[in-house]
Protein backbone atom coordinates (compact mmCIF):
# COMPACT_ATOMS: atom_id res chain seq x y z
CA UNK A 1 -36.35 22.09 -14.14
CA UNK A 2 -33.17 23.30 -14.48
CA UNK A 3 -31.32 22.53 -18.00
CA UNK A 4 -27.86 21.85 -17.74
CA UNK A 5 -25.28 19.22 -19.24
CA UNK A 6 -25.24 15.71 -17.80
CA UNK A 7 -23.29 15.35 -15.18
CA UNK A 8 -19.55 13.84 -15.20
CA UNK A 9 -16.97 14.19 -12.43
CA UNK A 10 -14.65 16.03 -12.81
CA UNK A 11 -11.29 15.01 -14.40
CA UNK A 12 -7.64 15.00 -12.49
CA UNK A 13 -4.80 16.93 -12.96
CA UNK A 14 -1.78 15.14 -14.62
CA UNK A 15 1.16 15.88 -12.67
CA UNK A 16 3.45 14.39 -14.78
CA UNK A 17 2.97 17.28 -16.69
CA UNK A 18 5.79 19.99 -15.51
CA UNK A 19 3.17 23.09 -16.48
CA UNK A 20 0.79 21.53 -14.21
CA UNK A 21 3.71 20.94 -11.12
CA UNK A 22 4.31 24.76 -12.08
CA UNK A 23 1.22 25.81 -11.69
CA UNK A 24 0.57 24.38 -8.23
CA UNK A 25 3.83 25.65 -6.98
CA UNK A 26 2.56 29.10 -8.41
CA UNK A 27 -1.10 28.52 -6.20
CA UNK A 28 1.47 27.32 -3.15
CA UNK A 29 3.11 30.91 -3.74
CA UNK A 30 -0.34 32.42 -4.06
CA UNK A 31 -1.72 31.14 -0.80
CA UNK A 32 0.72 31.75 1.52
CA UNK A 33 0.87 35.61 0.56
CA UNK A 34 -2.62 35.76 0.79
CA UNK A 35 -4.33 33.05 3.14
CA UNK A 36 -1.65 32.37 5.51
CA UNK A 37 -2.61 33.90 8.99
CA UNK A 38 -5.93 34.55 7.66
CA UNK A 39 -8.54 34.66 10.16
CA UNK A 40 -11.81 32.91 10.14
CA UNK A 41 -15.17 34.21 12.50
CA UNK A 42 -18.02 32.18 13.09
CA UNK A 43 -21.02 32.43 10.72
CA UNK A 44 -24.49 33.23 11.92
CA UNK A 45 -26.88 34.06 10.72
CA UNK A 46 -24.71 35.88 7.81
CA UNK A 47 -22.67 37.47 10.11
CA UNK A 48 -19.45 36.95 10.79
CA UNK A 49 -18.89 36.57 14.51
CA UNK A 50 -15.86 36.48 16.37
CA UNK A 51 -15.24 34.90 19.70
CA UNK A 52 -12.91 35.50 23.03
CA UNK A 53 -10.78 31.99 22.18
CA UNK A 54 -9.49 30.82 18.67
CA UNK A 55 -8.31 27.41 17.01
CA UNK A 56 -5.07 27.78 16.06
CA UNK A 57 -4.42 25.44 12.71
CA UNK A 58 -0.37 24.37 12.21
CA UNK A 59 1.68 22.03 8.99
CA UNK A 60 1.70 18.84 10.27
CA UNK A 61 4.98 18.59 8.20
CA UNK A 62 6.13 21.71 10.14
CA UNK A 63 4.86 22.34 12.89
CA UNK A 64 6.34 25.65 14.32
CA UNK A 65 4.34 27.17 11.59
CA UNK A 66 0.85 28.52 12.10
CA UNK A 67 -1.41 28.36 9.25
CA UNK A 68 -4.18 30.20 10.27
CA UNK A 69 -7.39 30.28 13.08
CA UNK A 70 -10.66 30.16 13.40
CA UNK A 71 -12.86 31.19 16.04
CA UNK A 72 -13.79 29.22 18.64
CA UNK A 73 -17.41 28.41 19.07
CA UNK A 74 -19.51 28.57 22.45
CA UNK A 75 -22.85 26.67 23.79
CA UNK A 76 -24.41 30.03 23.16
CA UNK A 77 -23.22 30.56 19.70
CA UNK A 78 -24.65 27.39 18.91
CA UNK A 79 -28.05 28.12 20.56
CA UNK A 80 -27.87 31.10 18.55
CA UNK A 81 -27.10 29.53 15.08
CA UNK A 82 -30.18 27.37 16.08
CA UNK A 83 -32.43 29.54 16.17
CA UNK A 84 -31.32 31.76 13.36
CA UNK A 85 -31.53 28.10 10.98
CA UNK A 86 -34.87 27.09 11.81
CA UNK A 87 -35.90 31.11 11.39
CA UNK A 88 -33.80 30.94 7.90
CA UNK A 89 -35.76 27.36 7.01
CA UNK A 90 -39.50 29.06 7.38
CA UNK A 91 -38.26 30.98 3.95
CA UNK A 92 -35.72 28.64 2.15
CA UNK A 93 -38.11 25.54 2.22
CA UNK A 94 -40.53 27.69 -0.01
CA UNK A 95 -37.46 27.74 -2.86
CA UNK A 96 -37.64 25.86 -5.54
CA UNK A 97 -35.43 22.46 -6.25
CA UNK A 98 -34.14 24.54 -9.33
CA UNK A 99 -33.21 27.93 -7.43
CA UNK A 100 -31.36 26.45 -4.60
CA UNK A 101 -29.26 23.98 -7.09
CA UNK A 102 -28.21 27.16 -8.53
CA UNK A 103 -26.64 28.32 -5.77
CA UNK A 104 -24.56 24.88 -5.82
CA UNK A 105 -23.44 24.63 -9.68
CA UNK A 106 -22.43 28.81 -9.09
CA UNK A 107 -19.93 27.64 -6.24
CA UNK A 108 -19.12 24.68 -8.26
CA UNK A 109 -18.01 27.35 -10.66
CA UNK A 110 -16.54 29.37 -8.88
CA UNK A 111 -14.45 26.35 -6.88
CA UNK A 112 -13.15 25.37 -10.38
CA UNK A 113 -11.48 28.68 -10.69
CA UNK A 114 -9.85 28.88 -7.91
CA UNK A 115 -9.10 25.07 -7.69
CA UNK A 116 -5.52 25.67 -7.19
CA UNK A 117 -6.22 27.62 -4.39
CA UNK A 118 -8.12 25.03 -2.39
CA UNK A 119 -5.66 22.32 -3.33
CA UNK A 120 -2.35 24.21 -2.62
CA UNK A 121 -4.18 25.54 1.54
CA UNK A 122 -5.19 22.18 2.01
CA UNK A 123 -1.40 21.25 1.60
CA UNK A 124 -0.39 23.32 4.00
CA UNK A 125 -3.24 22.48 6.68
CA UNK A 126 -3.45 18.86 6.51
CA UNK A 127 -0.39 18.28 4.50
CA UNK A 128 -1.74 16.61 1.47
CA UNK A 129 0.59 15.85 -1.40
CA UNK A 130 -0.20 17.61 -5.04
CA UNK A 131 -2.45 14.42 -6.24
CA UNK A 132 -4.30 13.93 -2.82
CA UNK A 133 -5.31 17.44 -2.61
CA UNK A 134 -6.36 18.07 -5.91
CA UNK A 135 -8.45 14.53 -6.74
CA UNK A 136 -10.39 16.03 -2.95
CA UNK A 137 -11.12 19.14 -4.74
CA UNK A 138 -12.03 17.19 -7.96
CA UNK A 139 -14.56 15.57 -5.41
CA UNK A 140 -15.62 18.40 -3.48
CA UNK A 141 -16.62 19.93 -7.24
CA UNK A 142 -18.88 17.22 -8.32
CA UNK A 143 -20.63 17.06 -4.99
CA UNK A 144 -21.65 19.82 -5.31
CA UNK A 145 -22.96 19.60 -9.50
CA UNK A 146 -23.88 15.58 -8.85
CA UNK A 147 -26.66 17.04 -6.02
CA UNK A 148 -27.87 19.66 -7.91
CA UNK A 149 -28.73 17.71 -10.62
CA UNK A 150 -30.34 14.64 -8.61
CA UNK A 151 -32.47 17.35 -6.68
CA UNK A 152 -34.28 18.00 -9.78
CA UNK A 153 -36.26 14.20 -9.23
CA UNK A 154 -37.61 15.39 -5.99
CA UNK A 155 -39.30 17.92 -7.35
CA UNK A 156 -43.14 18.88 -6.99
CA UNK A 157 -45.92 16.30 -5.85
CA UNK A 158 -45.77 13.44 -7.89
CA UNK A 159 -42.24 12.93 -8.09
CA UNK A 160 -42.31 9.45 -6.06
CA UNK A 161 -44.70 6.96 -8.07
CA UNK A 162 -47.94 5.88 -6.81
CA UNK A 163 -50.40 2.99 -8.19
CA UNK A 164 -53.45 4.69 -10.13
CA UNK A 165 -56.98 4.33 -8.26
CA UNK A 166 -60.02 5.25 -9.98
CA UNK A 167 -61.58 8.20 -8.82
CA UNK A 168 -58.84 9.36 -6.62
CA UNK A 169 -55.77 11.58 -7.18
CA UNK A 170 -53.01 10.05 -4.63
CA UNK A 171 -49.40 11.74 -5.09
CA UNK A 172 -46.31 11.57 -2.62
CA UNK A 173 -44.58 14.99 -2.05
CA UNK A 174 -40.54 15.08 -0.71
CA UNK A 175 -40.06 17.41 2.26
CA UNK A 176 -37.47 19.12 4.03
CA UNK A 177 -37.49 18.19 7.60
CA UNK A 178 -35.72 21.12 9.20
CA UNK A 179 -32.69 22.01 10.86
CA UNK A 180 -29.43 19.32 10.78
CA UNK A 181 -25.81 19.54 11.92
CA UNK A 182 -23.30 18.38 9.80
CA UNK A 183 -19.74 17.13 11.52
CA UNK A 184 -17.00 16.40 9.36
CA UNK A 185 -13.26 15.26 9.88
CA UNK A 186 -10.01 16.54 9.21
CA UNK A 187 -8.51 14.07 6.83
CA UNK A 188 -11.02 15.25 3.42
CA UNK A 189 -11.53 18.62 4.86
CA UNK A 190 -13.14 19.90 1.32
CA UNK A 191 -15.38 17.62 0.11
CA UNK A 192 -17.00 15.50 2.57
CA UNK A 193 -17.20 19.06 4.64
CA UNK A 194 -19.00 20.53 1.93
CA UNK A 195 -20.83 16.99 0.32
CA UNK A 196 -22.18 16.98 4.13
CA UNK A 197 -23.69 20.18 4.01
CA UNK A 198 -24.78 20.33 0.11
CA UNK A 199 -27.16 17.40 0.23
CA UNK A 200 -29.09 18.85 2.98
CA UNK A 201 -29.63 22.35 2.20
CA UNK A 202 -29.93 21.42 -2.18
CA UNK A 203 -33.02 19.25 -0.54
CA UNK A 204 -33.92 22.26 1.52
CA UNK A 205 -32.51 21.93 5.08
CA UNK A 206 -30.25 24.52 7.09
CA UNK A 207 -27.47 23.29 8.23
CA UNK A 208 -24.98 24.09 11.03
CA UNK A 209 -21.33 23.08 9.46
CA UNK A 210 -19.25 22.04 12.45
CA UNK A 211 -15.77 21.21 10.67
CA UNK A 212 -12.82 19.19 12.29
CA UNK A 213 -10.39 21.20 14.89
CA UNK A 214 -7.37 20.99 12.64
CA UNK A 215 -9.04 22.00 9.53
CA UNK A 216 -10.92 25.07 10.02
CA UNK A 217 -8.74 27.10 7.16
CA UNK A 218 -10.22 24.93 4.25
CA UNK A 219 -13.48 25.11 5.52
CA UNK A 220 -13.70 28.55 5.72
CA UNK A 221 -12.37 28.95 2.22
CA UNK A 222 -15.34 26.41 1.26
CA UNK A 223 -18.03 28.74 3.45
CA UNK A 224 -17.30 32.11 1.88
CA UNK A 225 -17.83 30.26 -1.85
CA UNK A 226 -20.93 29.65 -0.41
CA UNK A 227 -21.99 32.84 0.07
CA UNK A 228 -20.22 34.13 -2.85
CA UNK A 229 -22.46 31.92 -4.73
CA UNK A 230 -25.70 33.56 -3.02
CA UNK A 231 -26.58 30.71 0.05
CA UNK A 232 -28.77 33.16 1.88
CA UNK A 233 -28.06 34.16 5.69
CA UNK A 234 -28.94 31.22 8.35
CA UNK A 235 -29.28 28.62 5.27
CA UNK A 236 -25.40 27.63 5.98
CA UNK A 237 -24.45 28.35 9.57
CA UNK A 238 -20.61 28.24 10.57
CA UNK A 239 -20.18 26.61 13.72
CA UNK A 240 -15.91 25.94 14.09
CA UNK A 241 -15.47 24.81 17.55
CA UNK A 242 -15.17 21.97 19.66
CA UNK A 243 -16.46 18.46 19.32
CA UNK A 244 -17.40 17.92 23.07
CA UNK A 245 -18.59 21.14 23.38
CA UNK A 246 -20.83 22.70 20.94
CA UNK A 247 -20.99 19.59 19.17
CA UNK A 248 -22.67 17.92 21.91
CA UNK A 249 -24.51 20.58 22.58
CA UNK A 250 -25.88 20.53 19.29
CA UNK A 251 -26.42 16.27 18.93
CA UNK A 252 -28.51 16.94 22.12
CA UNK A 253 -30.70 19.52 21.38
CA UNK A 254 -34.25 19.14 20.94
CA UNK A 255 -34.15 21.19 17.67
CA UNK A 256 -32.11 19.34 16.04
CA UNK A 257 -33.74 17.44 13.31
CA UNK A 258 -30.82 15.01 11.68
CA UNK A 259 -27.09 15.01 12.50
CA UNK A 260 -25.20 13.73 9.72
CA UNK A 261 -21.06 12.16 11.21
CA UNK A 262 -18.03 11.19 9.26
CA UNK A 263 -15.77 9.91 12.13
CA UNK A 264 -14.55 7.70 14.40
CA UNK A 265 -16.46 4.69 15.34
CA UNK A 266 -16.09 5.42 19.08
CA UNK A 267 -17.58 9.51 18.31
CA UNK A 268 -19.87 7.86 16.13
CA UNK A 269 -21.98 5.73 18.86
CA UNK A 270 -21.63 8.14 21.30
CA UNK A 271 -23.78 10.36 18.93
CA UNK A 272 -26.16 7.75 17.94
CA UNK A 273 -26.90 7.00 20.93
CA UNK A 274 -27.47 10.95 22.36
CA UNK A 275 -29.66 11.47 19.47
CA UNK A 276 -32.17 8.71 20.41
CA UNK A 277 -32.84 10.08 23.50
CA UNK A 278 -35.99 12.51 23.55
CA UNK A 279 -35.52 15.73 26.00
CA UNK A 280 -38.27 17.81 26.68
CA UNK A 281 -40.01 19.52 23.83
CA UNK A 282 -38.64 17.45 20.62
CA UNK A 283 -41.41 16.02 18.46
CA UNK A 284 -39.60 14.03 16.02
CA UNK A 285 -36.82 11.29 15.97
CA UNK A 286 -33.73 12.27 15.05
CA UNK A 287 -32.60 10.94 11.68
CA UNK A 288 -29.23 9.85 11.66
CA UNK A 289 -26.22 9.75 9.23
CA UNK A 290 -23.26 7.80 10.13
CA UNK A 291 -19.63 6.97 8.17
CA UNK A 292 -17.47 5.67 11.28
CA UNK A 293 -14.02 4.22 9.08
CA UNK A 294 -12.93 0.93 8.67
CA UNK A 295 -10.43 -1.78 8.57
CA UNK A 296 -10.07 -2.37 4.83
CA UNK A 297 -8.41 -5.45 3.27
CA UNK A 298 -7.13 -6.61 -0.07
CA UNK A 299 -7.13 -9.75 -0.89
CA UNK A 300 -4.26 -10.76 -3.78
CA UNK A 301 -4.53 -15.15 -5.24
CA UNK A 302 -2.33 -16.91 -7.10
CA UNK A 303 -3.87 -16.01 -10.03
CA UNK A 304 -3.92 -12.02 -9.94
CA UNK A 305 -1.84 -9.77 -12.29
CA UNK A 306 1.15 -9.61 -9.40
CA UNK A 307 2.45 -6.19 -10.17
CA UNK A 308 -0.86 -4.45 -10.64
CA UNK A 309 -1.97 -5.95 -7.44
CA UNK A 310 1.23 -4.49 -5.40
CA UNK A 311 0.48 -0.97 -7.00
CA UNK A 312 -2.78 -1.31 -5.64
CA UNK A 313 -2.01 -2.36 -2.26
CA UNK A 314 0.98 0.39 -2.31
CA UNK A 315 -1.71 3.05 -3.32
CA UNK A 316 -4.72 1.93 -0.98
CA UNK A 317 -2.15 1.44 2.10
CA UNK A 318 -0.32 4.72 1.60
CA UNK A 319 -2.21 7.59 0.32
CA UNK A 320 -2.42 10.27 2.43
CA UNK A 321 -0.36 8.33 4.73
CA UNK A 322 -3.32 5.95 5.74
CA UNK A 323 -5.83 8.84 6.71
CA UNK A 324 -8.44 7.76 4.42
CA UNK A 325 -11.35 5.54 6.31
CA UNK A 326 -10.99 3.44 2.92
CA UNK A 327 -7.51 2.84 3.45
CA UNK A 328 -5.82 -0.76 2.83
CA UNK A 329 -5.31 -1.57 6.90
CA UNK A 330 -5.05 -5.19 5.88
CA UNK A 331 -3.36 -7.21 3.20
CA UNK A 332 -4.31 -11.05 2.56
CA UNK A 333 -2.15 -13.03 0.53
CA UNK A 334 -3.23 -16.43 -0.72
CA UNK A 335 0.46 -18.95 0.74
CA UNK A 336 1.20 -19.70 -2.92
CA UNK A 337 2.13 -16.33 -3.70
CA UNK A 338 2.67 -14.99 -0.41
CA UNK A 339 6.65 -13.82 -0.47
CA UNK A 340 6.68 -12.90 -3.75
CA UNK A 341 3.70 -10.34 -3.71
CA UNK A 342 4.68 -9.12 0.06
CA UNK A 343 8.59 -9.11 -1.06
CA UNK A 344 7.44 -6.31 -3.69
CA UNK A 345 5.22 -4.64 -1.54
CA UNK A 346 7.93 -3.77 0.94
CA UNK A 347 10.56 -2.76 -1.69
CA UNK A 348 7.95 -0.40 -3.60
CA UNK A 349 6.91 1.02 -0.09
CA UNK A 350 10.41 1.64 1.02
CA UNK A 351 11.41 3.87 -2.28
CA UNK A 352 8.55 6.02 -1.04
CA UNK A 353 9.82 9.72 -0.34
CA UNK A 354 9.16 11.02 2.84
CA UNK A 355 8.78 15.05 3.19
CA UNK A 356 6.38 17.71 3.00
CA UNK A 357 3.06 18.16 1.02
CA UNK A 358 4.66 21.38 -0.70
CA UNK A 359 7.53 19.12 -1.84
CA UNK A 360 4.82 16.52 -3.31
CA UNK A 361 6.83 13.30 -1.55
CA UNK A 362 4.55 10.61 -1.73
CA UNK A 363 4.54 9.77 2.34
CA UNK A 364 4.17 13.76 4.27
CA UNK A 365 3.26 14.00 7.91
CA UNK A 366 0.36 12.62 10.06
CA UNK A 367 -2.31 15.56 10.77
CA UNK A 368 -1.52 16.00 14.62
CA UNK A 369 -0.47 15.14 17.48
CA UNK A 370 -3.00 12.57 18.46
CA UNK A 371 -2.42 10.59 15.30
CA UNK A 372 1.32 10.78 15.55
CA UNK A 373 1.17 9.38 19.31
CA UNK A 374 -1.10 6.79 18.19
CA UNK A 375 0.41 5.47 14.88
CA UNK A 376 3.33 5.15 17.56
CA UNK A 377 1.63 3.11 19.91
CA UNK A 378 0.31 0.55 17.60
CA UNK A 379 3.77 0.34 15.84
CA UNK A 380 4.56 -1.00 18.87
CA UNK A 381 1.92 -3.09 19.81
CA UNK A 382 3.13 -4.94 16.30
CA UNK A 383 5.96 -5.12 17.63
CA UNK A 384 4.88 -7.76 20.23
CA UNK A 385 2.43 -9.14 18.16
CA UNK A 386 4.16 -9.90 14.20
CA UNK A 387 7.20 -9.35 11.80
CA UNK A 388 8.44 -6.08 11.72
CA UNK A 389 9.11 -6.16 7.27
CA UNK A 390 9.91 -2.21 7.37
CA UNK A 391 8.96 1.13 8.81
CA UNK A 392 8.36 0.50 12.67
CA UNK A 393 9.83 4.10 13.87
CA UNK A 394 8.11 7.58 14.48
CA UNK A 395 10.90 10.24 14.12
CA UNK A 396 9.11 13.09 14.31
CA UNK A 397 11.00 15.29 12.20
CA UNK A 398 12.08 14.95 8.11
CA UNK A 399 14.27 17.08 6.44
CA UNK A 400 15.23 19.54 8.93
CA UNK A 401 11.64 20.30 9.66
CA UNK A 402 10.06 18.97 12.90
CA UNK A 403 6.52 17.23 12.44
CA UNK A 404 4.08 14.56 12.80
CA UNK A 405 6.52 12.19 10.82
CA UNK A 406 6.04 8.44 10.99
CA UNK A 407 7.31 5.82 9.36
CA UNK A 408 5.33 3.73 6.60
CA UNK A 409 4.84 0.13 8.18
CA UNK A 410 4.82 -3.20 7.32
CA UNK A 411 4.05 -5.89 9.76
CA UNK A 412 3.54 -9.50 8.42
CA UNK A 413 2.59 -12.92 9.37
CA UNK A 414 0.10 -11.09 11.75
CA UNK A 415 -2.59 -13.33 13.79
CA UNK A 416 -6.11 -12.63 12.86
CA UNK A 417 -7.01 -12.29 16.54
CA UNK A 418 -4.15 -9.30 16.52
CA UNK A 419 -5.01 -6.06 17.64
CA UNK A 420 -3.32 -4.87 14.49
CA UNK A 421 -5.85 -6.97 12.56
CA UNK A 422 -9.05 -5.80 13.99
CA UNK A 423 -8.59 -2.22 15.21
CA UNK A 424 -8.32 0.86 13.23
CA UNK A 425 -5.16 2.86 13.21
CA UNK A 426 -5.56 5.54 10.68
CA UNK A 427 -2.37 6.01 9.91
CA UNK A 428 0.38 4.54 7.34
CA UNK A 429 0.46 0.59 9.49
CA UNK A 430 -0.16 -1.97 6.80
CA UNK A 431 -1.09 -5.62 8.55
CA UNK A 432 -0.30 -8.26 5.83
CA UNK A 433 -1.83 -11.81 6.27
CA UNK A 434 -1.27 -15.56 4.96
CA UNK A 435 -4.03 -17.45 4.07
CA UNK A 436 -4.14 -20.97 2.45
CA UNK A 437 -6.36 -20.69 -0.37
CA UNK A 438 -9.00 -18.06 -1.04
CA UNK A 439 -11.85 -19.57 0.81
CA UNK A 440 -9.58 -18.46 3.69
CA UNK A 441 -8.56 -15.76 2.65
CA UNK A 442 -12.37 -14.31 2.71
CA UNK A 443 -13.04 -15.54 6.00
CA UNK A 444 -10.04 -13.46 6.94
CA UNK A 445 -11.41 -10.15 5.06
CA UNK A 446 -14.72 -10.95 7.10
CA UNK A 447 -13.24 -11.28 10.11
CA UNK A 448 -13.60 -7.32 11.65
CA UNK A 449 -16.64 -5.71 12.52
CA UNK A 450 -16.18 -2.80 9.73
CA UNK A 451 -17.57 -2.98 6.57
CA UNK A 452 -16.19 -0.22 4.34
CA UNK A 453 -14.10 -1.13 1.57
CA UNK A 454 -12.09 -4.03 0.58
CA UNK A 455 -10.78 -5.37 -2.72
CA UNK A 456 -10.06 -8.68 -4.57
CA UNK A 457 -7.14 -8.89 -7.25
CA UNK A 458 -7.56 -12.11 -9.23
CA UNK A 459 -8.21 -13.30 -12.46
CA UNK A 460 -10.86 -16.25 -11.55
CA UNK A 461 -14.16 -14.90 -12.27
CA UNK A 462 -15.44 -17.71 -10.74
CA UNK A 463 -13.64 -16.59 -7.23
CA UNK A 464 -14.79 -12.86 -8.35
CA UNK A 465 -18.61 -13.58 -8.30
CA UNK A 466 -18.01 -15.75 -4.63
CA UNK A 467 -16.29 -12.20 -2.98
CA UNK A 468 -19.16 -10.50 -4.83
CA UNK A 469 -21.79 -11.94 -3.08
CA UNK A 470 -19.79 -12.80 -0.15
CA UNK A 471 -17.09 -9.41 0.81
CA UNK A 472 -18.75 -7.90 3.79
CA UNK A 473 -18.05 -4.36 2.52
CA UNK A 474 -20.12 -1.29 1.23
CA UNK A 475 -17.79 -0.77 -1.37
CA UNK A 476 -16.20 -3.80 -3.04
CA UNK A 477 -13.36 -3.28 -5.95
CA UNK A 478 -11.67 -5.81 -8.04
CA UNK A 479 -8.33 -5.68 -9.96
CA UNK A 480 -7.36 -2.08 -8.48
CA UNK A 481 -6.98 0.14 -5.61
CA UNK A 482 -9.82 0.42 -2.73
CA UNK A 483 -9.30 4.20 -2.29
CA UNK A 484 -10.65 7.15 -4.94
CA UNK A 485 -14.26 6.39 -4.89
CA UNK A 486 -16.01 8.52 -7.39
CA UNK A 487 -19.34 11.08 -6.81
CA UNK A 488 -22.67 9.50 -9.14
CA UNK A 489 -20.12 6.26 -10.30
CA UNK A 490 -19.30 4.57 -6.81
CA UNK A 491 -21.72 5.93 -3.92
CA UNK A 492 -19.66 5.46 -1.18
CA UNK A 493 -20.89 4.12 2.76
CA UNK A 494 -20.47 1.30 4.55
CA UNK A 495 -22.39 -1.40 7.42
CA UNK A 496 -21.61 -3.19 10.31
CA UNK A 497 -19.41 -0.79 12.41
CA UNK A 498 -18.73 1.50 8.91
CA UNK A 499 -21.86 3.08 9.38
CA UNK A 500 -25.18 3.22 8.42
CA UNK A 501 -24.42 2.74 4.62
CA UNK A 502 -25.69 5.89 3.58
CA UNK A 503 -24.05 6.08 -0.18
CA UNK A 504 -22.63 9.92 -0.31
CA UNK A 505 -22.47 10.61 -4.00
CA UNK A 506 -25.37 8.38 -4.68
CA UNK A 507 -29.02 8.23 -6.42
CA UNK A 508 -30.44 7.75 -3.06
CA UNK A 509 -28.27 10.26 -0.69
CA UNK A 510 -30.80 12.76 -0.35
CA UNK A 511 -33.78 11.24 0.26
CA UNK A 512 -31.72 10.87 4.06
CA UNK A 513 -32.35 14.61 4.27
CA UNK A 514 -36.49 14.67 3.13
CA UNK A 515 -39.46 13.18 4.45
CA UNK A 516 -42.36 12.20 2.44
CA UNK A 517 -46.37 13.21 2.26
CA UNK A 518 -49.20 11.30 0.52
CA UNK A 519 -51.92 12.88 -0.24
CA UNK A 520 -55.18 12.01 -1.51
CA UNK A 521 -57.90 13.38 -3.35
CA UNK A 522 -61.26 11.83 -4.48
CA UNK A 523 -63.14 13.09 -7.03
């Protein structure tokens, strides 16, 4: 078994230290000089393959600026990637867990050295400010480090416990599944992208990784590092392309053994439906691992530390402009402290700086035109459903730069059946609810079809214990923000319409990508 120090999450960079700010800005200068305008081709069977068409990545905070491009895969490319991945699997599945884990550990070491470059590229490509980018890069490193260590417990015959039986040797073997498809989102273009392919790969599978169209640059950056770390040809196929084309083809293919997807509910349900069908020539049931977002709530009662609760609300709602599946999009406050909490929440929100990620503003632009239009639509819906407390506009520019800028927006006294209360917006829009008491607050929290994250700010132990058992979410936080799950510390994933509760970054996640074989020998 590989000998490494115990897993510890990466520490975050403190950007209140001027030297750290200077280092980040130096990284921005370096990335602008060396990576701006770079083109990433497909990687199929270890070869870089260009295509007739490209996908372009633009700066959401300055839409006149093209950050770079990737090749745009075709269905023919997808089929070549599938064939090549199965050919590579014949050898890759024979590698020891130790050998596969070493590639992840080496990649993590390289990424630690290039941490600020990765952060800076994310700032330019998706608009993250310094802290949001750094936390994500730390998470991506953590996924590599954690899964490398977790793989050790699945190694060898008898890795899983069985009961002794006289006269026989009995044992369980963990076997890889084969070739799968990873379809990742733009909002965590490094951490989720890397985590979604690293887990199945270290377990002995080969993966075709299709990043989101808006974040192909950071995905290409990460794949290059995986190859530098020694990833064999064909084990990780890099296939940027349009989801409705190559993604659809890969999901429905009889050669696809598993699909892992993070994204919207509608796309995830479609993937689940398509993957459930068995085309001619397919001899397995596809495994599907889904994370589909949320409509996440924070409850504040009258016993809470109110300044702490307001801080948790602001951080949870507007970190990366609310573009997180875990973001606090609903604030539920008991009537006794409603006016005080909501008043402070609105004032703190008005004080947030709006601008570019490069300027390290609190709130930057949303990722693309589609998101910009969607948030604007919900702002107008909200004006007809509830009381607008702040924001509500989509200026589309800031500081003289045209971008996908929308105002942080809060609506008060929202009815529980309003669209604002039930539908995922994925932007800086919060619906605030007035609860009669804590029991009513829990009822409101559980009144959506989602079940991803949630939180309670309270000093009442009985209420916290009640929420522990009754709040229907996969990740529940007390007296803190409801975003920012740390790999290995808070395994992440929800249920109901939030996904399959696969718990990424947890002790059972690798099991999603393996199958068990029982072997008995009678002596």
